[in-house]
Amino acid sequence: MKEENERLRARVPFKTKISLELDGDEHEYGRTFDVSMNGVYVSTAKPLPAESTGEFVMTLSVGMRREQVTGRYEIVRVMSMDDGLSDAERGPGMGVKFTMLEPESSELLFNIIRYNQSPEQ
């Protein structure tokens, strides 16, 4: 049985921009902490409410190009400022689960994660 903190997919440190759509409004965030094929942790003092859903666009730098990963999301974890103070690296923010990735986005994200993994993962 997996422990609560054990991840099903490899996570890699990755800082990028992400835009989350919620109820017709775009919420732009400029700092992610890590990413996996299942989701991303967004560092922010103003997270969206838990269980929020919508569409997302995450911009990735691939060499000199900028590529977009798109799909649908759900907010599965929210860490407040108080919670975030106990985690100096990650800080306050939200766990964003990818509930659907466009096929091209899935391939691009897979390659980014594979390229950024440390050898022991």
PDB file of N, CA and C in Angstrom:
ATOM      1  N   MET A   1       0.836  -1.180   0.000  1.00  0.00           N
ATOM      2  CA  MET A   1       0.000   0.000   0.000  1.00  0.00           C
ATOM      3  C   MET A   1       0.882   1.244   0.000  1.00  0.00           C
ATOM      4  N   LYS A   2       0.532   2.232  -0.826  1.00  0.00           N
ATOM      5  CA  LYS A   2       1.328   3.450  -0.927  1.00  0.00           C
ATOM      6  C   LYS A   2       1.044   4.356   0.262  1.00  0.00           C
ATOM      7  N   GLU A   3       2.114   5.005   0.744  1.00  0.00           N
ATOM      8  CA  GLU A   3       1.949   5.974   1.801  1.00  0.00           C
ATOM      9  C   GLU A   3       1.328   7.231   1.216  1.00  0.00           C
ATOM     10  N   GLU A   4       0.722   8.064   2.089  1.00  0.00           N
ATOM     11  CA  GLU A   4      -0.003   9.250   1.642  1.00  0.00           C
ATOM     12  C   GLU A   4       0.872  10.204   0.832  1.00  0.00           C
ATOM     13  N   ASN A   5       2.123  10.390   1.221  1.00  0.00           N
ATOM     14  CA  ASN A   5       2.991  11.333   0.533  1.00  0.00           C
ATOM     15  C   ASN A   5       3.713  10.749  -0.677  1.00  0.00           C
ATOM     16  N   GLU A   6       3.573   9.453  -0.913  1.00  0.00           N
ATOM     17  CA  GLU A   6       4.235   8.826  -2.048  1.00  0.00           C
ATOM     18  C   GLU A   6       3.447   9.118  -3.324  1.00  0.00           C
ATOM     19  N   ARG A   7       4.118   9.611  -4.346  1.00  0.00           N
ATOM     20  CA  ARG A   7       3.473   9.993  -5.592  1.00  0.00           C
ATOM     21  C   ARG A   7       3.403   8.823  -6.565  1.00  0.00           C
ATOM     22  N   LEU A   8       2.332   8.795  -7.356  1.00  0.00           N
ATOM     23  CA  LEU A   8       2.194   7.766  -8.377  1.00  0.00           C
ATOM     24  C   LEU A   8       3.062   8.065  -9.597  1.00  0.00           C
ATOM     25  N   ARG A   9       3.322   9.336  -9.847  1.00  0.00           N
ATOM     26  CA  ARG A   9       4.119   9.753 -10.999  1.00  0.00           C
ATOM     27  C   ARG A   9       5.283  10.615 -10.533  1.00  0.00           C
ATOM     28  N   ALA A  10       6.366  10.569 -11.262  1.00  0.00           N
ATOM     29  CA  ALA A  10       7.541  11.377 -10.933  1.00  0.00           C
ATOM     30  C   ALA A  10       7.210  12.853 -11.059  1.00  0.00           C
ATOM     31  N   ARG A  11       7.671  13.632 -10.081  1.00  0.00           N
ATOM     32  CA  ARG A  11       7.530  15.076 -10.113  1.00  0.00           C
ATOM     33  C   ARG A  11       8.911  15.670 -10.322  1.00  0.00           C
ATOM     34  N   VAL A  12       8.973  16.720 -11.119  1.00  0.00           N
ATOM     35  CA  VAL A  12      10.239  17.390 -11.343  1.00  0.00           C
ATOM     36  C   VAL A  12      10.077  18.872 -11.007  1.00  0.00           C
ATOM     37  N   PRO A  13      11.128  19.470 -10.436  1.00  0.00           N
ATOM     38  CA  PRO A  13      11.071  20.914 -10.184  1.00  0.00           C
ATOM     39  C   PRO A  13      10.915  21.627 -11.523  1.00  0.00           C
ATOM     40  N   PHE A  14       9.983  22.540 -11.591  1.00  0.00           N
ATOM     41  CA  PHE A  14       9.766  23.234 -12.858  1.00  0.00           C
ATOM     42  C   PHE A  14       9.040  24.539 -12.590  1.00  0.00           C
ATOM     43  N   LYS A  15       9.658  25.632 -12.999  1.00  0.00           N
ATOM     44  CA  LYS A  15       9.045  26.950 -12.823  1.00  0.00           C
ATOM     45  C   LYS A  15       8.568  27.452 -14.176  1.00  0.00           C
ATOM     46  N   THR A  16       7.279  27.776 -14.240  1.00  0.00           N
ATOM     47  CA  THR A  16       6.694  28.253 -15.483  1.00  0.00           C
ATOM     48  C   THR A  16       5.421  29.029 -15.171  1.00  0.00           C
ATOM     49  N   LYS A  17       4.744  29.487 -16.202  1.00  0.00           N
ATOM     50  CA  LYS A  17       3.491  30.227 -16.051  1.00  0.00           C
ATOM     51  C   LYS A  17       2.317  29.309 -16.365  1.00  0.00           C
ATOM     52  N   ILE A  18       1.203  29.556 -15.656  1.00  0.00           N
ATOM     53  CA  ILE A  18      -0.010  28.797 -15.926  1.00  0.00           C
ATOM     54  C   ILE A  18      -1.211  29.728 -15.803  1.00  0.00           C
ATOM     55  N   SER A  19      -2.188  29.520 -16.651  1.00  0.00           N
ATOM     56  CA  SER A  19      -3.431  30.270 -16.632  1.00  0.00           C
ATOM     57  C   SER A  19      -4.561  29.284 -16.381  1.00  0.00           C
ATOM     58  N   LEU A  20      -5.371  29.566 -15.356  1.00  0.00           N
ATOM     59  CA  LEU A  20      -6.503  28.709 -15.019  1.00  0.00           C
ATOM     60  C   LEU A  20      -7.798  29.466 -15.260  1.00  0.00           C
ATOM     61  N   GLU A  21      -8.692  28.882 -16.033  1.00  0.00           N
ATOM     62  CA  GLU A  21      -9.993  29.472 -16.290  1.00  0.00           C
ATOM     63  C   GLU A  21     -10.957  28.968 -15.219  1.00  0.00           C
ATOM     64  N   LEU A  22     -11.715  29.888 -14.623  1.00  0.00           N
ATOM     65  CA  LEU A  22     -12.733  29.517 -13.642  1.00  0.00           C
ATOM     66  C   LEU A  22     -13.923  30.443 -13.807  1.00  0.00           C
ATOM     67  N   ASP A  23     -15.053  29.869 -14.140  1.00  0.00           N
ATOM     68  CA  ASP A  23     -16.291  30.639 -14.307  1.00  0.00           C
ATOM     69  C   ASP A  23     -16.135  31.813 -15.271  1.00  0.00           C
ATOM     70  N   GLY A  24     -15.417  31.591 -16.366  1.00  0.00           N
ATOM     71  CA  GLY A  24     -15.251  32.614 -17.388  1.00  0.00           C
ATOM     72  C   GLY A  24     -14.136  33.611 -17.123  1.00  0.00           C
ATOM     73  N   ASP A  25     -13.500  33.550 -15.970  1.00  0.00           N
ATOM     74  CA  ASP A  25     -12.392  34.450 -15.638  1.00  0.00           C
ATOM     75  C   ASP A  25     -11.064  33.713 -15.766  1.00  0.00           C
ATOM     76  N   GLU A  26     -10.041  34.418 -16.273  1.00  0.00           N
ATOM     77  CA  GLU A  26      -8.698  33.861 -16.377  1.00  0.00           C
ATOM     78  C   GLU A  26      -7.890  34.272 -15.144  1.00  0.00           C
ATOM     79  N   HIS A  27      -7.256  33.305 -14.517  1.00  0.00           N
ATOM     80  CA  HIS A  27      -6.399  33.549 -13.366  1.00  0.00           C
ATOM     81  C   HIS A  27      -4.984  33.177 -13.774  1.00  0.00           C
ATOM     82  N   GLU A  28      -4.102  34.185 -13.832  1.00  0.00           N
ATOM     83  CA  GLU A  28      -2.721  33.990 -14.271  1.00  0.00           C
ATOM     84  C   GLU A  28      -1.813  33.796 -13.054  1.00  0.00           C
ATOM     85  N   TYR A  29      -0.944  32.804 -13.130  1.00  0.00           N
ATOM     86  CA  TYR A  29       0.017  32.545 -12.070  1.00  0.00           C
ATOM     87  C   TYR A  29       1.394  32.428 -12.707  1.00  0.00           C
ATOM     88  N   GLY A  30       2.377  33.066 -12.098  1.00  0.00           N
ATOM     89  CA  GLY A  30       3.700  33.125 -12.684  1.00  0.00           C
ATOM     90  C   GLY A  30       4.726  32.221 -12.055  1.00  0.00           C
ATOM     91  N   ARG A  31       4.295  31.346 -11.113  1.00  0.00           N
ATOM     92  CA  ARG A  31       5.315  30.524 -10.455  1.00  0.00           C
ATOM     93  C   ARG A  31       4.765  29.153 -10.081  1.00  0.00           C
ATOM     94  N   THR A  32       5.212  28.152 -10.798  1.00  0.00           N
ATOM     95  CA  THR A  32       4.917  26.785 -10.400  1.00  0.00           C
ATOM     96  C   THR A  32       6.122  26.263  -9.631  1.00  0.00           C
ATOM     97  N   PHE A  33       5.905  25.199  -8.873  1.00  0.00           N
ATOM     98  CA  PHE A  33       6.987  24.628  -8.072  1.00  0.00           C
ATOM     99  C   PHE A  33       7.495  23.333  -8.683  1.00  0.00           C
ATOM    100  N   ASP A  34       6.563  22.432  -8.991  1.00  0.00           N
ATOM    101  CA  ASP A  34       6.939  21.175  -9.633  1.00  0.00           C
ATOM    102  C   ASP A  34       5.781  20.691 -10.496  1.00  0.00           C
ATOM    103  N   VAL A  35       6.103  19.749 -11.381  1.00  0.00           N
ATOM    104  CA  VAL A  35       5.103  19.271 -12.333  1.00  0.00           C
ATOM    105  C   VAL A  35       5.273  17.768 -12.520  1.00  0.00           C
ATOM    106  N   SER A  36       4.165  17.094 -12.803  1.00  0.00           N
ATOM    107  CA  SER A  36       4.169  15.681 -13.170  1.00  0.00           C
ATOM    108  C   SER A  36       3.147  15.508 -14.281  1.00  0.00           C
ATOM    109  N   MET A  37       2.998  14.285 -14.752  1.00  0.00           N
ATOM    110  CA  MET A  37       1.972  14.018 -15.752  1.00  0.00           C
ATOM    111  C   MET A  37       0.574  14.160 -15.164  1.00  0.00           C
ATOM    112  N   ASN A  38       0.473  14.106 -13.842  1.00  0.00           N
ATOM    113  CA  ASN A  38      -0.828  14.210 -13.184  1.00  0.00           C
ATOM    114  C   ASN A  38      -1.206  15.625 -12.790  1.00  0.00           C
ATOM    115  N   GLY A  39      -0.221  16.526 -12.666  1.00  0.00           N
ATOM    116  CA  GLY A  39      -0.565  17.870 -12.230  1.00  0.00           C
ATOM    117  C   GLY A  39       0.646  18.725 -11.921  1.00  0.00           C
ATOM    118  N   VAL A  40       0.360  19.861 -11.285  1.00  0.00           N
ATOM    119  CA  VAL A  40       1.377  20.863 -10.998  1.00  0.00           C
ATOM    120  C   VAL A  40       1.037  21.545  -9.682  1.00  0.00           C
ATOM    121  N   TYR A  41       2.081  21.938  -8.938  1.00  0.00           N
ATOM    122  CA  TYR A  41       1.860  22.739  -7.738  1.00  0.00           C
ATOM    123  C   TYR A  41       2.129  24.189  -8.111  1.00  0.00           C
ATOM    124  N   VAL A  42       1.144  25.062  -7.850  1.00  0.00           N
ATOM    125  CA  VAL A  42       1.256  26.475  -8.169  1.00  0.00           C
ATOM    126  C   VAL A  42       1.488  27.236  -6.868  1.00  0.00           C
ATOM    127  N   SER A  43       2.612  27.938  -6.778  1.00  0.00           N
ATOM    128  CA  SER A  43       2.924  28.748  -5.607  1.00  0.00           C
ATOM    129  C   SER A  43       2.198  30.079  -5.733  1.00  0.00           C
ATOM    130  N   THR A  44       1.309  30.375  -4.777  1.00  0.00           N
ATOM    131  CA  THR A  44       0.551  31.624  -4.799  1.00  0.00           C
ATOM    132  C   THR A  44      -0.054  31.891  -3.431  1.00  0.00           C
ATOM    133  N   ALA A  45      -0.178  33.157  -3.090  1.00  0.00           N
ATOM    134  CA  ALA A  45      -0.846  33.549  -1.852  1.00  0.00           C
ATOM    135  C   ALA A  45      -2.353  33.597  -2.046  1.00  0.00           C
ATOM    136  N   LYS A  46      -2.817  33.513  -3.305  1.00  0.00           N
ATOM    137  CA  LYS A  46      -4.251  33.613  -3.608  1.00  0.00           C
ATOM    138  C   LYS A  46      -4.711  32.410  -4.427  1.00  0.00           C
ATOM    139  N   PRO A  47      -4.761  31.217  -3.800  1.00  0.00           N
ATOM    140  CA  PRO A  47      -5.190  30.028  -4.559  1.00  0.00           C
ATOM    141  C   PRO A  47      -6.685  30.059  -4.847  1.00  0.00           C
ATOM    142  N   LEU A  48      -7.068  29.334  -5.869  1.00  0.00           N
ATOM    143  CA  LEU A  48      -8.486  29.134  -6.162  1.00  0.00           C
ATOM    144  C   LEU A  48      -9.047  28.160  -5.125  1.00  0.00           C
ATOM    145  N   PRO A  49     -10.373  28.157  -4.947  1.00  0.00           N
ATOM    146  CA  PRO A  49     -10.970  27.232  -3.972  1.00  0.00           C
ATOM    147  C   PRO A  49     -10.758  25.767  -4.361  1.00  0.00           C
ATOM    148  N   ALA A  50     -10.615  24.921  -3.344  1.00  0.00           N
ATOM    149  CA  ALA A  50     -10.518  23.472  -3.575  1.00  0.00           C
ATOM    150  C   ALA A  50     -11.744  23.003  -4.339  1.00  0.00           C
ATOM    151  N   GLU A  51     -11.543  22.025  -5.199  1.00  0.00           N
ATOM    152  CA  GLU A  51     -12.564  21.403  -6.037  1.00  0.00           C
ATOM    153  C   GLU A  51     -12.992  22.270  -7.223  1.00  0.00           C
ATOM    154  N   SER A  52     -12.341  23.430  -7.419  1.00  0.00           N
ATOM    155  CA  SER A  52     -12.616  24.238  -8.611  1.00  0.00           C
ATOM    156  C   SER A  52     -12.169  23.452  -9.836  1.00  0.00           C
ATOM    157  N   THR A  53     -12.877  23.619 -10.942  1.00  0.00           N
ATOM    158  CA  THR A  53     -12.523  22.950 -12.190  1.00  0.00           C
ATOM    159  C   THR A  53     -12.611  23.929 -13.348  1.00  0.00           C
ATOM    160  N   GLY A  54     -11.905  23.617 -14.421  1.00  0.00           N
ATOM    161  CA  GLY A  54     -11.950  24.454 -15.610  1.00  0.00           C
ATOM    162  C   GLY A  54     -10.871  24.040 -16.580  1.00  0.00           C
ATOM    163  N   GLU A  55     -10.545  24.949 -17.491  1.00  0.00           N
ATOM    164  CA  GLU A  55      -9.509  24.700 -18.484  1.00  0.00           C
ATOM    165  C   GLU A  55      -8.234  25.425 -18.082  1.00  0.00           C
ATOM    166  N   PHE A  56      -7.082  24.885 -18.512  1.00  0.00           N
ATOM    167  CA  PHE A  56      -5.814  25.528 -18.204  1.00  0.00           C
ATOM    168  C   PHE A  56      -4.937  25.610 -19.445  1.00  0.00           C
ATOM    169  N   VAL A  57      -4.000  26.559 -19.382  1.00  0.00           N
ATOM    170  CA  VAL A  57      -2.944  26.695 -20.378  1.00  0.00           C
ATOM    171  C   VAL A  57      -1.659  26.922 -19.599  1.00  0.00           C
ATOM    172  N   MET A  58      -0.684  26.035 -19.788  1.00  0.00           N
ATOM    173  CA  MET A  58       0.613  26.164 -19.137  1.00  0.00           C
ATOM    174  C   MET A  58       1.655  26.385 -20.231  1.00  0.00           C
ATOM    175  N   THR A  59       2.451  27.433 -20.082  1.00  0.00           N
ATOM    176  CA  THR A  59       3.452  27.783 -21.082  1.00  0.00           C
ATOM    177  C   THR A  59       4.795  27.209 -20.678  1.00  0.00           C
ATOM    178  N   LEU A  60       5.402  26.434 -21.567  1.00  0.00           N
ATOM    179  CA  LEU A  60       6.691  25.809 -21.310  1.00  0.00           C
ATOM    180  C   LEU A  60       7.724  26.334 -22.297  1.00  0.00           C
ATOM    181  N   SER A  61       8.936  26.549 -21.804  1.00  0.00           N
ATOM    182  CA  SER A  61      10.035  26.925 -22.686  1.00  0.00           C
ATOM    183  C   SER A  61      10.715  25.649 -23.161  1.00  0.00           C
ATOM    184  N   VAL A  62      10.780  25.488 -24.467  1.00  0.00           N
ATOM    185  CA  VAL A  62      11.424  24.334 -25.081  1.00  0.00           C
ATOM    186  C   VAL A  62      12.503  24.892 -26.000  1.00  0.00           C
ATOM    187  N   GLY A  63      13.734  24.936 -25.478  1.00  0.00           N
ATOM    188  CA  GLY A  63      14.797  25.589 -26.223  1.00  0.00           C
ATOM    189  C   GLY A  63      14.450  27.057 -26.389  1.00  0.00           C
ATOM    190  N   MET A  64      14.453  27.535 -27.611  1.00  0.00           N
ATOM    191  CA  MET A  64      14.123  28.937 -27.895  1.00  0.00           C
ATOM    192  C   MET A  64      12.622  29.146 -28.099  1.00  0.00           C
ATOM    193  N   ARG A  65      11.863  28.057 -28.161  1.00  0.00           N
ATOM    194  CA  ARG A  65      10.421  28.144 -28.418  1.00  0.00           C
ATOM    195  C   ARG A  65       9.627  28.137 -27.110  1.00  0.00           C
ATOM    196  N   ARG A  66       8.433  28.642 -27.206  1.00  0.00           N
ATOM    197  CA  ARG A  66       7.476  28.524 -26.112  1.00  0.00           C
ATOM    198  C   ARG A  66       6.341  27.645 -26.603  1.00  0.00           C
ATOM    199  N   GLU A  67       6.058  26.601 -25.850  1.00  0.00           N
ATOM    200  CA  GLU A  67       4.997  25.653 -26.201  1.00  0.00           C
ATOM    201  C   GLU A  67       3.917  25.713 -25.119  1.00  0.00           C
ATOM    202  N   GLN A  68       2.700  25.354 -25.497  1.00  0.00           N
ATOM    203  CA  GLN A  68       1.603  25.374 -24.535  1.00  0.00           C
ATOM    204  C   GLN A  68       1.065  23.976 -24.281  1.00  0.00           C
ATOM    205  N   VAL A  69       0.886  23.670 -22.996  1.00  0.00           N
ATOM    206  CA  VAL A  69       0.218  22.452 -22.558  1.00  0.00           C
ATOM    207  C   VAL A  69      -1.191  22.881 -22.171  1.00  0.00           C
ATOM    208  N   THR A  70      -2.199  22.219 -22.756  1.00  0.00           N
ATOM    209  CA  THR A  70      -3.582  22.612 -22.494  1.00  0.00           C
ATOM    210  C   THR A  70      -4.416  21.407 -22.080  1.00  0.00           C
ATOM    211  N   GLY A  71      -5.490  21.694 -21.374  1.00  0.00           N
ATOM    212  CA  GLY A  71      -6.404  20.645 -20.950  1.00  0.00           C
ATOM    213  C   GLY A  71      -7.366  21.151 -19.893  1.00  0.00           C
ATOM    214  N   ARG A  72      -7.821  20.222 -19.057  1.00  0.00           N
ATOM    215  CA  ARG A  72      -8.755  20.546 -17.977  1.00  0.00           C
ATOM    216  C   ARG A  72      -8.089  20.226 -16.644  1.00  0.00           C
ATOM    217  N   TYR A  73      -8.546  20.904 -15.593  1.00  0.00           N
ATOM    218  CA  TYR A  73      -7.932  20.760 -14.275  1.00  0.00           C
ATOM    219  C   TYR A  73      -8.984  20.678 -13.170  1.00  0.00           C
ATOM    220  N   GLU A  74      -8.506  20.259 -11.992  1.00  0.00           N
ATOM    221  CA  GLU A  74      -9.271  20.340 -10.747  1.00  0.00           C
ATOM    222  C   GLU A  74      -8.289  20.720  -9.645  1.00  0.00           C
ATOM    223  N   ILE A  75      -8.684  21.642  -8.770  1.00  0.00           N
ATOM    224  CA  ILE A  75      -7.861  22.012  -7.617  1.00  0.00           C
ATOM    225  C   ILE A  75      -8.089  20.943  -6.551  1.00  0.00           C
ATOM    226  N   VAL A  76      -7.036  20.206  -6.208  1.00  0.00           N
ATOM    227  CA  VAL A  76      -7.166  19.087  -5.276  1.00  0.00           C
ATOM    228  C   VAL A  76      -6.558  19.376  -3.902  1.00  0.00           C
ATOM    229  N   ARG A  77      -5.772  20.448  -3.808  1.00  0.00           N
ATOM    230  CA  ARG A  77      -5.147  20.778  -2.528  1.00  0.00           C
ATOM    231  C   ARG A  77      -4.900  22.278  -2.470  1.00  0.00           C
ATOM    232  N   VAL A  78      -5.207  22.866  -1.322  1.00  0.00           N
ATOM    233  CA  VAL A  78      -4.944  24.289  -1.113  1.00  0.00           C
ATOM    234  C   VAL A  78      -4.152  24.441   0.171  1.00  0.00           C
ATOM    235  N   MET A  79      -3.042  25.159   0.080  1.00  0.00           N
ATOM    236  CA  MET A  79      -2.236  25.464   1.267  1.00  0.00           C
ATOM    237  C   MET A  79      -2.300  26.963   1.501  1.00  0.00           C
ATOM    238  N   SER A  80      -2.789  27.364   2.667  1.00  0.00           N
ATOM    239  CA  SER A  80      -2.920  28.783   2.993  1.00  0.00           C
ATOM    240  C   SER A  80      -1.563  29.363   3.365  1.00  0.00           C
ATOM    241  N   MET A  81      -1.529  30.655   3.612  1.00  0.00           N
ATOM    242  CA  MET A  81      -0.286  31.303   4.052  1.00  0.00           C
ATOM    243  C   MET A  81       0.225  30.636   5.317  1.00  0.00           C
ATOM    244  N   ASP A  82      -0.658  30.339   6.263  1.00  0.00           N
ATOM    245  CA  ASP A  82      -0.238  29.696   7.515  1.00  0.00           C
ATOM    246  C   ASP A  82       0.327  28.304   7.246  1.00  0.00           C
ATOM    247  N   ASP A  83      -0.368  27.519   6.427  1.00  0.00           N
ATOM    248  CA  ASP A  83       0.116  26.182   6.072  1.00  0.00           C
ATOM    249  C   ASP A  83       1.448  26.280   5.341  1.00  0.00           C
ATOM    250  N   GLY A  84       1.552  27.235   4.424  1.00  0.00           N
ATOM    251  CA  GLY A  84       2.728  27.365   3.583  1.00  0.00           C
ATOM    252  C   GLY A  84       3.974  27.762   4.332  1.00  0.00           C
ATOM    253  N   LEU A  85       3.811  28.405   5.482  1.00  0.00           N
ATOM    254  CA  LEU A  85       4.987  28.823   6.238  1.00  0.00           C
ATOM    255  C   LEU A  85       5.771  27.641   6.768  1.00  0.00           C
ATOM    256  N   SER A  86       5.101  26.495   6.914  1.00  0.00           N
ATOM    257  CA  SER A  86       5.804  25.318   7.406  1.00  0.00           C
ATOM    258  C   SER A  86       6.572  24.599   6.296  1.00  0.00           C
ATOM    259  N   ASP A  87       6.347  24.974   5.073  1.00  0.00           N
ATOM    260  CA  ASP A  87       7.042  24.376   3.937  1.00  0.00           C
ATOM    261  C   ASP A  87       7.799  25.487   3.207  1.00  0.00           C
ATOM    262  N   ALA A  88       9.004  25.746   3.665  1.00  0.00           N
ATOM    263  CA  ALA A  88       9.769  26.896   3.171  1.00  0.00           C
ATOM    264  C   ALA A  88      10.000  26.864   1.665  1.00  0.00           C
ATOM    265  N   GLU A  89      10.196  25.694   1.088  1.00  0.00           N
ATOM    266  CA  GLU A  89      10.461  25.614  -0.345  1.00  0.00           C
ATOM    267  C   GLU A  89       9.213  25.867  -1.175  1.00  0.00           C
ATOM    268  N   ARG A  90       8.169  25.141  -0.856  1.00  0.00           N
ATOM    269  CA  ARG A  90       6.964  25.187  -1.677  1.00  0.00           C
ATOM    270  C   ARG A  90       6.116  26.415  -1.360  1.00  0.00           C
ATOM    271  N   GLY A  91       5.915  26.698  -0.093  1.00  0.00           N
ATOM    272  CA  GLY A  91       5.115  27.844   0.319  1.00  0.00           C
ATOM    273  C   GLY A  91       3.633  27.660   0.058  1.00  0.00           C
ATOM    274  N   PRO A  92       2.855  28.708   0.273  1.00  0.00           N
ATOM    275  CA  PRO A  92       1.414  28.625   0.055  1.00  0.00           C
ATOM    276  C   PRO A  92       1.102  28.442  -1.423  1.00  0.00           C
ATOM    277  N   GLY A  93      -0.027  27.820  -1.708  1.00  0.00           N
ATOM    278  CA  GLY A  93      -0.412  27.622  -3.095  1.00  0.00           C
ATOM    279  C   GLY A  93      -1.485  26.569  -3.243  1.00  0.00           C
ATOM    280  N   MET A  94      -1.471  25.888  -4.401  1.00  0.00           N
ATOM    281  CA  MET A  94      -2.517  24.900  -4.685  1.00  0.00           C
ATOM    282  C   MET A  94      -1.980  23.781  -5.557  1.00  0.00           C
ATOM    283  N   GLY A  95      -2.516  22.592  -5.292  1.00  0.00           N
ATOM    284  CA  GLY A  95      -2.227  21.436  -6.119  1.00  0.00           C
ATOM    285  C   GLY A  95      -3.258  21.363  -7.223  1.00  0.00           C
ATOM    286  N   VAL A  96      -2.806  21.396  -8.451  1.00  0.00           N
ATOM    287  CA  VAL A  96      -3.679  21.379  -9.627  1.00  0.00           C
ATOM    288  C   VAL A  96      -3.541  20.022 -10.297  1.00  0.00           C
ATOM    289  N   LYS A  97      -4.628  19.267 -10.325  1.00  0.00           N
ATOM    290  CA  LYS A  97      -4.638  17.954 -10.980  1.00  0.00           C
ATOM    291  C   LYS A  97      -5.089  18.127 -12.425  1.00  0.00           C
ATOM    292  N   PHE A  98      -4.345  17.507 -13.344  1.00  0.00           N
ATOM    293  CA  PHE A  98      -4.763  17.515 -14.741  1.00  0.00           C
ATOM    294  C   PHE A  98      -5.805  16.409 -14.918  1.00  0.00           C
ATOM    295  N   THR A  99      -7.035  16.785 -15.220  1.00  0.00           N
ATOM    296  CA  THR A  99      -8.084  15.782 -15.419  1.00  0.00           C
ATOM    297  C   THR A  99      -8.176  15.361 -16.877  1.00  0.00           C
ATOM    298  N   MET A 100      -7.605  16.183 -17.783  1.00  0.00           N
ATOM    299  CA  MET A 100      -7.568  15.843 -19.204  1.00  0.00           C
ATOM    300  C   MET A 100      -6.466  16.671 -19.854  1.00  0.00           C
ATOM    301  N   LEU A 101      -5.638  16.013 -20.646  1.00  0.00           N
ATOM    302  CA  LEU A 101      -4.603  16.685 -21.421  1.00  0.00           C
ATOM    303  C   LEU A 101      -4.873  16.461 -22.902  1.00  0.00           C
ATOM    304  N   GLU A 102      -4.707  17.509 -23.701  1.00  0.00           N
ATOM    305  CA  GLU A 102      -4.782  17.339 -25.148  1.00  0.00           C
ATOM    306  C   GLU A 102      -3.654  16.393 -25.560  1.00  0.00           C
ATOM    307  N   PRO A 103      -3.850  15.539 -26.583  1.00  0.00           N
ATOM    308  CA  PRO A 103      -2.820  14.560 -26.964  1.00  0.00           C
ATOM    309  C   PRO A 103      -1.439  15.173 -27.204  1.00  0.00           C
ATOM    310  N   GLU A 104      -1.359  16.290 -27.940  1.00  0.00           N
ATOM    311  CA  GLU A 104      -0.067  16.919 -28.200  1.00  0.00           C
ATOM    312  C   GLU A 104       0.545  17.438 -26.907  1.00  0.00           C
ATOM    313  N   SER A 105      -0.298  17.925 -26.009  1.00  0.00           N
ATOM    314  CA  SER A 105       0.170  18.435 -24.728  1.00  0.00           C
ATOM    315  C   SER A 105       0.730  17.316 -23.867  1.00  0.00           C
ATOM    316  N   SER A 106       0.083  16.172 -23.899  1.00  0.00           N
ATOM    317  CA  SER A 106       0.534  15.027 -23.119  1.00  0.00           C
ATOM    318  C   SER A 106       1.934  14.604 -23.558  1.00  0.00           C
ATOM    319  N   GLU A 107       2.167  14.538 -24.849  1.00  0.00           N
ATOM    320  CA  GLU A 107       3.476  14.155 -25.377  1.00  0.00           C
ATOM    321  C   GLU A 107       4.540  15.190 -25.005  1.00  0.00           C
ATOM    322  N   LEU A 108       4.213  16.462 -25.156  1.00  0.00           N
ATOM    323  CA  LEU A 108       5.149  17.531 -24.817  1.00  0.00           C
ATOM    324  C   LEU A 108       5.500  17.489 -23.331  1.00  0.00           C
ATOM    325  N   LEU A 109       4.499  17.359 -22.469  1.00  0.00           N
ATOM    326  CA  LEU A 109       4.728  17.319 -21.029  1.00  0.00           C
ATOM    327  C   LEU A 109       5.567  16.099 -20.646  1.00  0.00           C
ATOM    328  N   PHE A 110       5.271  14.958 -21.227  1.00  0.00           N
ATOM    329  CA  PHE A 110       6.042  13.744 -20.964  1.00  0.00           C
ATOM    330  C   PHE A 110       7.527  13.976 -21.274  1.00  0.00           C
ATOM    331  N   ASN A 111       7.811  14.586 -22.414  1.00  0.00           N
ATOM    332  CA  ASN A 111       9.196  14.832 -22.808  1.00  0.00           C
ATOM    333  C   ASN A 111       9.885  15.836 -21.884  1.00  0.00           C
ATOM    334  N   ILE A 112       9.173  16.868 -21.469  1.00  0.00           N
ATOM    335  CA  ILE A 112       9.731  17.872 -20.540  1.00  0.00           C
ATOM    336  C   ILE A 112      10.083  17.202 -19.211  1.00  0.00           C
ATOM    337  N   ILE A 113       9.178  16.380 -18.700  1.00  0.00           N
ATOM    338  CA  ILE A 113       9.413  15.708 -17.416  1.00  0.00           C
ATOM    339  C   ILE A 113      10.583  14.741 -17.538  1.00  0.00           C
ATOM    340  N   ARG A 114      10.596  13.951 -18.596  1.00  0.00           N
ATOM    341  CA  ARG A 114      11.694  12.998 -18.801  1.00  0.00           C
ATOM    342  C   ARG A 114      13.039  13.715 -18.882  1.00  0.00           C
ATOM    343  N   TYR A 115      13.088  14.823 -19.589  1.00  0.00           N
ATOM    344  CA  TYR A 115      14.330  15.570 -19.751  1.00  0.00           C
ATOM    345  C   TYR A 115      14.812  16.163 -18.421  1.00  0.00           C
ATOM    346  N   ASN A 116      13.876  16.568 -17.550  1.00  0.00           N
ATOM    347  CA  ASN A 116      14.226  17.246 -16.296  1.00  0.00           C
ATOM    348  C   ASN A 116      14.365  16.318 -15.102  1.00  0.00           C
ATOM    349  N   GLN A 117      14.124  15.026 -15.276  1.00  0.00           N
ATOM    350  CA  GLN A 117      14.265  14.087 -14.163  1.00  0.00           C
ATOM    351  C   GLN A 117      15.724  13.892 -13.811  1.00  0.00           C
ATOM    352  N   SER A 118      15.950  13.718 -12.502  1.00  0.00           N
ATOM    353  CA  SER A 118      17.309  13.371 -12.081  1.00  0.00           C
ATOM    354  C   SER A 118      17.496  11.874 -12.351  1.00  0.00           C
ATOM    355  N   PRO A 119      18.715  11.415 -12.515  1.00  0.00           N
ATOM    356  CA  PRO A 119      18.985  10.017 -12.876  1.00  0.00           C
ATOM    357  C   PRO A 119      18.412   9.000 -11.891  1.00  0.00           C
ATOM    358  N   GLU A 120      18.293   9.322 -10.602  1.00  0.00           N
ATOM    359  CA  GLU A 120      17.812   8.330  -9.633  1.00  0.00           C
ATOM    360  C   GLU A 120      16.290   8.200  -9.616  1.00  0.00           C
ATOM    361  N   GLN A 121      15.537   9.007 -10.356  1.00  0.00           N
ATOM    362  CA  GLN A 121      14.077   8.885 -10.345  1.00  0.00           C
ATOM    363  C   GLN A 121      13.591   7.834 -11.294  1.00  0.00           C
TER     364      GLN A 121
END
